[in-house]
N, C-alpha and C. Protein backbone atom coordinates (compact mmCIF):
# COMPACT_ATOMS: atom_id res chain seq x y z
N MET A 1 168.38 64.36 -22.35
CA MET A 1 169.08 65.49 -22.95
C MET A 1 170.35 65.07 -23.55
N CYS A 2 170.86 65.76 -24.44
CA CYS A 2 172.05 65.63 -25.15
C CYS A 2 173.31 65.60 -24.16
N SER A 3 174.29 64.73 -24.34
CA SER A 3 175.32 64.59 -23.50
C SER A 3 176.27 65.96 -23.57
N ASN A 4 176.35 66.41 -24.55
CA ASN A 4 177.28 67.59 -24.90
C ASN A 4 176.68 68.91 -24.93
N CYS A 5 175.46 68.97 -24.47
CA CYS A 5 174.70 70.38 -24.54
C CYS A 5 175.43 71.27 -23.46
N SER A 6 175.94 70.95 -22.37
CA SER A 6 176.30 71.74 -21.47
C SER A 6 177.64 72.47 -21.84
N ASN A 7 178.31 71.73 -22.84
CA ASN A 7 179.49 72.32 -23.43
C ASN A 7 179.25 73.18 -24.73
N ASP A 8 178.20 73.30 -25.26
CA ASP A 8 177.79 73.94 -26.41
C ASP A 8 177.37 75.51 -26.06
N GLU A 9 178.00 76.52 -26.60
CA GLU A 9 177.61 77.80 -26.29
C GLU A 9 176.28 78.07 -26.33
N ASN A 10 175.75 77.73 -27.46
CA ASN A 10 174.45 78.03 -27.73
C ASN A 10 173.34 77.59 -26.82
N PHE A 11 173.84 76.26 -26.16
CA PHE A 11 172.83 75.70 -25.12
C PHE A 11 173.03 76.53 -23.73
N LYS A 12 174.24 77.02 -23.66
CA LYS A 12 174.51 77.85 -22.38
C LYS A 12 173.80 79.13 -22.38
N ILE A 13 173.79 79.75 -23.71
CA ILE A 13 173.12 81.14 -23.93
C ILE A 13 171.41 80.71 -23.67
N LEU A 14 170.92 79.72 -24.35
CA LEU A 14 169.55 79.46 -24.25
C LEU A 14 169.16 79.00 -22.70
N GLU A 15 170.10 78.45 -21.95
CA GLU A 15 169.81 78.29 -20.41
C GLU A 15 169.69 79.43 -19.83
N LYS A 16 170.69 80.21 -19.98
CA LYS A 16 170.68 81.61 -19.31
C LYS A 16 169.41 82.47 -19.73
N TYR A 17 169.09 82.25 -21.01
CA TYR A 17 167.81 83.05 -21.52
C TYR A 17 166.75 82.51 -20.74
N VAL A 18 166.54 81.26 -20.65
CA VAL A 18 165.42 80.33 -19.92
C VAL A 18 165.28 80.79 -18.35
N ASN A 19 166.43 80.93 -17.82
CA ASN A 19 166.68 81.14 -16.27
C ASN A 19 166.24 82.63 -16.15
N ALA A 20 166.37 83.36 -17.03
CA ALA A 20 166.18 84.81 -16.73
C ALA A 20 164.56 85.12 -17.10
N LEU A 21 163.83 84.14 -17.51
CA LEU A 21 162.50 84.42 -17.51
C LEU A 21 161.88 84.76 -16.31
N PRO A 22 160.81 85.54 -16.25
CA PRO A 22 160.03 85.93 -15.02
C PRO A 22 159.37 84.59 -14.58
N SER A 23 158.79 84.02 -15.82
CA SER A 23 157.83 82.83 -15.50
C SER A 23 158.00 81.78 -16.62
N LYS A 24 158.19 80.59 -16.37
CA LYS A 24 158.50 79.61 -17.37
C LYS A 24 157.33 79.13 -17.93
N GLU A 25 155.99 79.35 -17.15
CA GLU A 25 154.83 78.78 -17.63
C GLU A 25 154.37 79.82 -18.76
N GLY A 26 153.93 79.11 -19.93
CA GLY A 26 153.49 79.86 -20.94
C GLY A 26 154.63 80.42 -21.86
N ALA A 27 155.74 80.04 -21.53
CA ALA A 27 156.86 80.64 -22.38
C ALA A 27 157.50 79.85 -23.44
N LEU A 28 156.84 78.90 -23.76
CA LEU A 28 157.43 77.79 -24.85
C LEU A 28 157.51 78.42 -26.16
N ILE A 29 156.86 79.18 -26.60
CA ILE A 29 156.93 79.76 -27.99
C ILE A 29 157.83 80.69 -27.83
N GLU A 30 158.12 81.62 -26.99
CA GLU A 30 159.18 82.67 -26.74
C GLU A 30 160.52 81.96 -26.72
N VAL A 31 160.78 80.77 -26.00
CA VAL A 31 161.89 80.00 -25.78
C VAL A 31 162.21 79.48 -27.18
N LEU A 32 161.22 78.81 -27.85
CA LEU A 32 161.56 78.29 -29.20
C LEU A 32 161.93 79.16 -30.25
N HIS A 33 161.47 80.46 -30.27
CA HIS A 33 161.89 81.46 -31.04
C HIS A 33 163.46 81.86 -30.81
N LYS A 34 163.74 81.77 -29.40
CA LYS A 34 165.20 82.13 -29.06
C LYS A 34 166.05 80.98 -29.60
N ALA A 35 165.59 79.73 -29.42
CA ALA A 35 166.41 78.58 -29.72
C ALA A 35 166.78 78.60 -31.27
N GLN A 36 165.61 78.66 -31.98
CA GLN A 36 165.80 78.57 -33.56
C GLN A 36 166.62 79.93 -34.02
N GLY A 37 166.47 80.99 -33.46
CA GLY A 37 167.43 82.14 -33.62
C GLY A 37 168.84 81.47 -33.40
N LEU A 38 169.18 80.89 -32.03
CA LEU A 38 170.41 80.38 -31.98
C LEU A 38 171.00 79.31 -32.83
N PHE A 39 170.20 78.30 -33.14
CA PHE A 39 170.53 77.09 -33.64
C PHE A 39 170.27 77.18 -35.09
N GLY A 40 169.21 77.86 -35.57
CA GLY A 40 168.74 77.88 -36.90
C GLY A 40 167.85 77.02 -37.31
N TYR A 41 167.61 76.17 -36.39
CA TYR A 41 166.49 74.98 -36.60
C TYR A 41 166.42 74.43 -35.09
N LEU A 42 165.48 73.37 -35.05
CA LEU A 42 165.06 72.98 -33.70
C LEU A 42 165.23 71.29 -33.77
N PRO A 43 166.44 70.99 -33.87
CA PRO A 43 166.63 69.33 -33.68
C PRO A 43 166.04 68.88 -32.58
N GLN A 44 166.08 67.56 -32.30
CA GLN A 44 165.53 66.69 -31.31
C GLN A 44 166.17 66.99 -29.97
N GLU A 45 167.64 67.12 -30.19
CA GLU A 45 168.39 67.69 -28.75
C GLU A 45 167.98 68.78 -28.19
N VAL A 46 167.65 70.01 -29.19
CA VAL A 46 167.36 71.24 -28.67
C VAL A 46 165.72 71.01 -28.08
N GLN A 47 164.84 70.21 -28.69
CA GLN A 47 163.57 70.26 -28.28
C GLN A 47 163.77 69.72 -26.89
N ALA A 48 164.34 68.60 -26.71
CA ALA A 48 164.55 67.92 -25.51
C ALA A 48 165.23 68.73 -24.36
N PHE A 49 166.19 69.75 -24.73
CA PHE A 49 166.78 70.67 -23.75
C PHE A 49 165.59 71.57 -23.41
N VAL A 50 164.84 72.18 -24.39
CA VAL A 50 163.84 73.19 -24.00
C VAL A 50 162.63 72.42 -23.00
N ALA A 51 162.53 71.32 -23.42
CA ALA A 51 161.31 70.71 -22.55
C ALA A 51 161.78 70.31 -21.10
N GLU A 52 163.09 70.06 -20.96
CA GLU A 52 163.66 69.72 -19.75
C GLU A 52 163.79 71.21 -18.90
N LYS A 53 164.19 72.19 -19.57
CA LYS A 53 164.32 73.61 -18.86
C LYS A 53 162.94 74.24 -18.48
N LEU A 54 161.90 73.95 -19.23
CA LEU A 54 160.60 74.44 -19.15
C LEU A 54 159.80 73.38 -18.17
N ASN A 55 160.40 72.05 -17.95
CA ASN A 55 159.57 71.18 -17.14
C ASN A 55 158.24 70.72 -17.76
N ILE A 56 158.42 70.56 -19.07
CA ILE A 56 157.27 70.15 -19.95
C ILE A 56 157.51 68.89 -20.58
N PRO A 57 156.63 67.98 -21.25
CA PRO A 57 156.85 66.95 -21.97
C PRO A 57 157.53 67.22 -23.34
N VAL A 58 158.45 66.59 -23.78
CA VAL A 58 159.10 66.78 -25.31
C VAL A 58 157.93 66.55 -26.33
N SER A 59 156.84 65.92 -26.17
CA SER A 59 155.74 65.71 -26.83
C SER A 59 155.20 67.20 -27.26
N LYS A 60 155.05 67.74 -26.19
CA LYS A 60 154.39 69.29 -26.16
C LYS A 60 155.15 69.98 -26.89
N VAL A 61 156.50 70.05 -26.77
CA VAL A 61 157.53 70.84 -27.62
C VAL A 61 157.41 70.43 -29.02
N TYR A 62 157.36 69.14 -29.22
CA TYR A 62 157.26 68.81 -30.63
C TYR A 62 155.95 69.18 -31.40
N GLY A 63 154.93 68.87 -30.50
CA GLY A 63 153.66 69.54 -31.10
C GLY A 63 153.62 70.86 -31.44
N VAL A 64 154.20 71.74 -30.72
CA VAL A 64 154.20 73.20 -31.00
C VAL A 64 155.16 73.31 -32.15
N VAL A 65 156.34 72.91 -32.22
CA VAL A 65 157.30 73.00 -33.38
C VAL A 65 156.84 72.57 -34.72
N THR A 66 156.01 71.51 -34.70
CA THR A 66 155.46 71.15 -36.02
C THR A 66 154.14 71.61 -36.36
N PHE A 67 153.60 72.27 -35.37
CA PHE A 67 152.40 72.86 -35.89
C PHE A 67 152.27 74.40 -36.52
N TYR A 68 153.51 75.09 -35.83
CA TYR A 68 153.68 76.25 -36.40
C TYR A 68 154.79 76.35 -37.80
N SER A 69 154.41 77.00 -38.72
CA SER A 69 155.10 76.78 -40.04
C SER A 69 156.52 77.61 -39.73
N TYR A 70 156.60 78.60 -38.73
CA TYR A 70 157.75 79.44 -38.63
C TYR A 70 159.05 78.73 -38.17
N PHE A 71 158.71 77.64 -37.34
CA PHE A 71 159.55 76.48 -36.65
C PHE A 71 160.10 75.63 -37.75
N THR A 72 161.11 75.21 -37.64
CA THR A 72 161.72 74.08 -38.62
C THR A 72 162.58 73.20 -37.80
N ILE A 73 162.60 71.62 -38.13
CA ILE A 73 163.34 70.78 -37.61
C ILE A 73 164.37 70.29 -38.50
N LYS A 74 164.52 71.02 -39.61
CA LYS A 74 165.48 70.74 -40.57
C LYS A 74 166.28 71.91 -40.87
N PRO A 75 167.77 71.69 -41.05
CA PRO A 75 168.52 72.97 -40.96
C PRO A 75 168.31 73.68 -42.46
N ARG A 76 167.91 75.15 -42.35
CA ARG A 76 167.84 75.92 -43.44
C ARG A 76 168.95 76.63 -43.95
N GLY A 77 168.82 76.96 -45.31
CA GLY A 77 169.83 77.78 -45.88
C GLY A 77 170.13 78.99 -45.46
N GLN A 78 171.40 79.44 -45.78
CA GLN A 78 171.64 81.05 -45.24
C GLN A 78 170.49 81.95 -45.93
N TYR A 79 169.73 81.67 -47.09
CA TYR A 79 168.90 82.42 -47.78
C TYR A 79 167.66 81.69 -48.00
N VAL A 80 166.56 81.94 -47.17
CA VAL A 80 165.39 81.27 -47.20
C VAL A 80 164.41 82.02 -48.20
N ILE A 81 164.12 81.31 -49.23
CA ILE A 81 163.32 81.80 -50.27
C ILE A 81 161.87 81.32 -50.03
N ASN A 82 160.88 82.11 -49.88
CA ASN A 82 159.43 81.65 -49.93
C ASN A 82 158.78 82.39 -50.91
N VAL A 83 157.86 81.54 -51.59
CA VAL A 83 156.93 81.97 -52.72
C VAL A 83 155.55 81.84 -52.22
N CYS A 84 154.92 83.05 -52.10
CA CYS A 84 153.51 83.09 -51.74
C CYS A 84 152.80 82.37 -52.54
N MET A 85 151.95 81.45 -52.12
CA MET A 85 150.87 80.74 -52.90
C MET A 85 149.50 81.03 -52.61
N GLY A 86 149.28 82.11 -51.86
CA GLY A 86 147.91 82.58 -51.52
C GLY A 86 147.17 82.78 -52.83
N THR A 87 145.78 83.02 -52.76
CA THR A 87 144.95 83.17 -53.82
C THR A 87 145.47 84.34 -54.81
N ALA A 88 145.62 85.46 -54.13
CA ALA A 88 145.94 86.72 -55.19
C ALA A 88 147.33 86.13 -55.87
N CYS A 89 148.17 85.79 -55.25
CA CYS A 89 149.61 85.53 -55.80
C CYS A 89 149.57 84.28 -56.92
N PHE A 90 148.63 83.33 -56.28
CA PHE A 90 148.72 82.12 -57.31
C PHE A 90 148.04 82.56 -58.62
N VAL A 91 146.86 83.21 -58.61
CA VAL A 91 146.17 83.58 -59.93
C VAL A 91 146.97 84.64 -60.64
N ARG A 92 148.17 85.24 -60.03
CA ARG A 92 148.93 85.82 -60.84
C ARG A 92 150.36 85.47 -61.20
N GLY A 93 150.33 83.99 -60.98
CA GLY A 93 151.44 83.37 -61.36
C GLY A 93 152.70 82.96 -60.55
N SER A 94 152.16 82.86 -59.36
CA SER A 94 153.23 82.29 -58.11
C SER A 94 153.66 80.99 -58.39
N GLY A 95 152.84 80.15 -59.05
CA GLY A 95 153.09 78.77 -59.22
C GLY A 95 154.13 78.55 -60.26
N ASP A 96 154.15 79.45 -61.43
CA ASP A 96 155.19 79.41 -62.44
C ASP A 96 156.46 80.01 -61.80
N VAL A 97 156.52 80.87 -60.97
CA VAL A 97 157.56 81.60 -60.34
C VAL A 97 158.31 80.44 -59.33
N LEU A 98 157.58 79.62 -58.49
CA LEU A 98 158.03 78.66 -57.80
C LEU A 98 158.75 77.64 -58.60
N GLU A 99 158.23 77.32 -59.60
CA GLU A 99 158.57 76.37 -60.63
C GLU A 99 160.15 76.92 -61.08
N GLU A 100 160.19 77.94 -61.67
CA GLU A 100 161.45 78.65 -62.13
C GLU A 100 162.32 78.55 -61.05
N PHE A 101 162.12 78.85 -59.72
CA PHE A 101 163.12 78.79 -58.73
C PHE A 101 163.76 77.21 -58.62
N GLN A 102 162.70 76.34 -58.61
CA GLN A 102 163.14 75.11 -58.44
C GLN A 102 163.80 74.48 -59.48
N LYS A 103 163.62 75.01 -60.81
CA LYS A 103 164.38 74.68 -62.20
C LYS A 103 165.73 75.28 -61.88
N GLN A 104 165.79 76.70 -61.68
CA GLN A 104 167.16 77.11 -61.43
C GLN A 104 167.95 76.66 -60.35
N LEU A 105 167.50 76.25 -59.29
CA LEU A 105 168.20 75.87 -57.97
C LEU A 105 168.47 74.28 -58.13
N LYS A 106 167.84 73.64 -58.99
CA LYS A 106 167.80 72.18 -59.27
C LYS A 106 167.35 71.50 -57.92
N MET A 107 166.16 71.81 -57.41
CA MET A 107 165.57 71.29 -56.22
C MET A 107 164.32 71.58 -56.08
N LYS A 108 163.62 70.79 -55.25
CA LYS A 108 162.21 70.70 -55.11
C LYS A 108 161.77 71.80 -53.85
N ASN A 109 160.46 72.20 -53.90
CA ASN A 109 160.00 72.98 -52.82
C ASN A 109 160.19 72.13 -51.36
N GLY A 110 160.72 72.92 -50.48
CA GLY A 110 160.92 72.39 -49.17
C GLY A 110 162.50 71.89 -48.83
N GLU A 111 163.29 71.99 -49.91
CA GLU A 111 164.55 71.40 -49.93
C GLU A 111 165.56 72.44 -49.79
N THR A 112 166.71 72.03 -49.33
CA THR A 112 168.04 73.06 -49.16
C THR A 112 169.08 72.69 -50.16
N THR A 113 169.80 73.72 -50.73
CA THR A 113 170.87 73.45 -51.70
C THR A 113 171.87 72.58 -50.95
N VAL A 114 172.57 71.85 -51.76
CA VAL A 114 173.77 70.95 -50.99
C VAL A 114 174.77 72.03 -50.14
N ASP A 115 174.98 73.06 -50.90
CA ASP A 115 176.08 73.92 -50.20
C ASP A 115 175.43 74.74 -49.13
N GLY A 116 174.14 74.72 -48.54
CA GLY A 116 173.60 75.42 -47.63
C GLY A 116 173.13 76.63 -47.86
N LYS A 117 173.12 77.04 -49.04
CA LYS A 117 173.04 78.49 -49.37
C LYS A 117 171.62 79.04 -49.24
N PHE A 118 170.61 78.21 -50.17
CA PHE A 118 169.29 78.51 -50.29
C PHE A 118 168.53 77.45 -49.76
N THR A 119 167.26 77.67 -49.11
CA THR A 119 166.30 76.90 -48.93
C THR A 119 165.03 77.45 -49.60
N LEU A 120 164.33 76.67 -50.14
CA LEU A 120 163.23 77.00 -51.17
C LEU A 120 161.74 76.65 -50.27
N GLY A 121 160.81 77.44 -50.05
CA GLY A 121 159.65 77.05 -49.59
C GLY A 121 158.49 78.01 -50.23
N SER A 122 157.33 77.57 -49.64
CA SER A 122 156.14 78.28 -50.13
C SER A 122 155.33 78.79 -48.88
N LEU A 123 154.69 79.66 -48.87
CA LEU A 123 153.78 80.19 -47.82
C LEU A 123 152.21 80.40 -48.17
N ARG A 124 151.41 80.16 -47.60
CA ARG A 124 149.82 80.42 -47.87
C ARG A 124 149.69 81.80 -48.05
N CYS A 125 150.10 82.73 -47.45
CA CYS A 125 149.89 84.01 -47.71
C CYS A 125 150.86 85.02 -46.71
N VAL A 126 151.21 86.03 -47.50
CA VAL A 126 152.30 86.95 -46.96
C VAL A 126 151.50 88.24 -46.52
N GLY A 127 150.39 88.49 -47.01
CA GLY A 127 149.60 89.70 -46.50
C GLY A 127 149.98 90.79 -47.33
N ALA A 128 150.61 90.92 -48.47
CA ALA A 128 150.89 91.85 -49.43
C ALA A 128 150.22 91.65 -50.89
N CYS A 129 148.96 91.25 -50.69
CA CYS A 129 148.15 90.96 -52.07
C CYS A 129 148.35 91.93 -52.98
N GLY A 130 148.49 93.15 -52.73
CA GLY A 130 148.66 94.28 -53.74
C GLY A 130 149.98 94.32 -54.37
N LEU A 131 151.01 93.38 -53.95
CA LEU A 131 152.27 93.29 -54.72
C LEU A 131 152.44 91.83 -55.43
N ALA A 132 151.11 91.13 -55.33
CA ALA A 132 151.20 89.85 -56.14
C ALA A 132 151.85 89.86 -57.45
N PRO A 133 152.40 88.62 -57.71
CA PRO A 133 152.90 87.50 -56.81
C PRO A 133 154.35 88.08 -56.01
N VAL A 134 154.28 87.73 -54.85
CA VAL A 134 155.31 88.00 -53.79
C VAL A 134 156.13 86.83 -53.58
N VAL A 135 157.51 87.28 -53.42
CA VAL A 135 158.67 86.41 -52.85
C VAL A 135 159.18 86.98 -51.72
N THR A 136 159.57 86.31 -50.80
CA THR A 136 160.39 86.79 -49.61
C THR A 136 161.65 85.85 -49.58
N ILE A 137 162.77 86.71 -49.32
CA ILE A 137 164.02 86.04 -48.80
C ILE A 137 164.59 86.73 -47.81
N ASN A 138 164.58 85.97 -46.66
CA ASN A 138 164.94 86.15 -45.38
C ASN A 138 163.91 87.36 -45.10
N ASP A 139 164.34 88.55 -44.91
CA ASP A 139 163.44 89.58 -44.54
C ASP A 139 163.05 90.52 -45.69
N LYS A 140 163.58 90.23 -46.74
CA LYS A 140 163.21 91.19 -48.02
C LYS A 140 162.18 90.72 -48.65
N VAL A 141 161.31 91.57 -49.07
CA VAL A 141 159.97 91.31 -49.89
C VAL A 141 160.13 91.77 -51.15
N TYR A 142 159.89 90.92 -52.39
CA TYR A 142 159.94 91.07 -53.61
C TYR A 142 158.50 91.05 -54.17
N GLY A 143 157.99 92.21 -54.91
CA GLY A 143 156.55 92.17 -55.38
C GLY A 143 156.51 92.14 -56.81
N HIS A 144 155.47 91.54 -57.35
CA HIS A 144 155.06 91.63 -58.85
C HIS A 144 156.29 90.77 -59.42
N VAL A 145 156.72 89.82 -58.83
CA VAL A 145 157.79 88.97 -59.36
C VAL A 145 157.28 88.26 -60.49
N THR A 146 158.02 88.10 -61.64
CA THR A 146 157.81 87.29 -62.91
C THR A 146 158.76 86.07 -63.10
N VAL A 147 158.62 85.09 -63.85
CA VAL A 147 159.45 83.99 -64.09
C VAL A 147 160.92 84.69 -64.51
N ASP A 148 160.60 85.78 -65.37
CA ASP A 148 161.78 86.28 -66.00
C ASP A 148 162.82 87.03 -64.88
N GLN A 149 162.34 87.17 -63.74
CA GLN A 149 163.23 87.86 -62.66
C GLN A 149 163.84 86.95 -61.85
N VAL A 150 163.44 85.83 -61.77
CA VAL A 150 163.86 84.64 -60.80
C VAL A 150 165.76 84.72 -60.97
N ASP A 151 166.11 84.56 -62.26
CA ASP A 151 167.49 84.62 -62.09
C ASP A 151 168.29 85.71 -61.84
N LYS A 152 167.58 87.14 -61.98
CA LYS A 152 168.29 88.43 -61.42
C LYS A 152 168.19 88.18 -59.93
N ILE A 153 167.09 87.82 -59.26
CA ILE A 153 166.97 87.72 -58.05
C ILE A 153 168.06 86.70 -57.20
N LEU A 154 168.18 85.62 -57.94
CA LEU A 154 169.28 84.76 -57.47
C LEU A 154 170.66 85.39 -57.78
N ASP A 155 170.85 86.02 -58.82
CA ASP A 155 172.17 86.43 -59.01
C ASP A 155 172.62 87.53 -57.96
N GLU A 156 171.41 88.26 -57.45
CA GLU A 156 171.63 89.26 -56.30
C GLU A 156 172.29 88.44 -55.22
N TYR A 157 171.73 87.44 -54.77
CA TYR A 157 172.35 86.72 -53.57
C TYR A 157 173.62 85.95 -53.82
N ASN A 158 173.89 85.39 -55.34
CA ASN A 158 175.08 84.73 -55.47
C ASN A 158 176.26 85.92 -55.56
N ALA A 159 175.87 87.20 -55.88
CA ALA A 159 176.81 88.16 -55.90
C ALA A 159 177.28 88.57 -54.51
N LEU A 160 176.48 88.41 -53.61
CA LEU A 160 176.93 88.66 -52.12
C LEU A 160 178.06 87.74 -51.72
N GLU A 161 178.14 86.60 -51.99
CA GLU A 161 179.16 85.78 -51.76
C GLU A 161 180.50 86.21 -52.30
N TYR A 162 180.49 86.95 -53.48
CA TYR A 162 181.73 87.36 -54.13
C TYR A 162 182.09 88.58 -53.46
N ALA A 163 181.28 89.50 -52.93
CA ALA A 163 181.49 90.86 -52.19
C ALA A 163 182.23 90.66 -50.75
N LYS A 164 182.00 89.52 -50.48
CA LYS A 164 182.67 89.23 -49.01
C LYS A 164 184.14 89.32 -48.97
């Protein structure tokens, strides 16, 4: 476990959360959700902490973290953009939409901007095929997205910074 975990407020909150569980058995995914909510991602020291608190091997924690696409071991940006690449979205142009996001953000799929503002990713299916192509940014869903709308979508989130 990391040496400064006991001094970090997020580790204290996570430990309190784990200790309050009625049963630690089968609680790994629940605890990982809480941990990612606190830290924003699941680096090695967080995974080791969870493993220790649940009395399971770190390899099991790592296996779950890397299996489920919801979890990430890399820091994400303030705004996580996901372009659906499911069949309905793809045949309606989501590949071009993803390419336009990459072009405008000057980064590749899976990367985060240097300023930590945007992370760009893709998903297999959002489950909103009637809105294809679909883009999600955090919890907001954009339907029928075209290449021409990408700059307007990015402007919407860039404007939020100026409104603060």
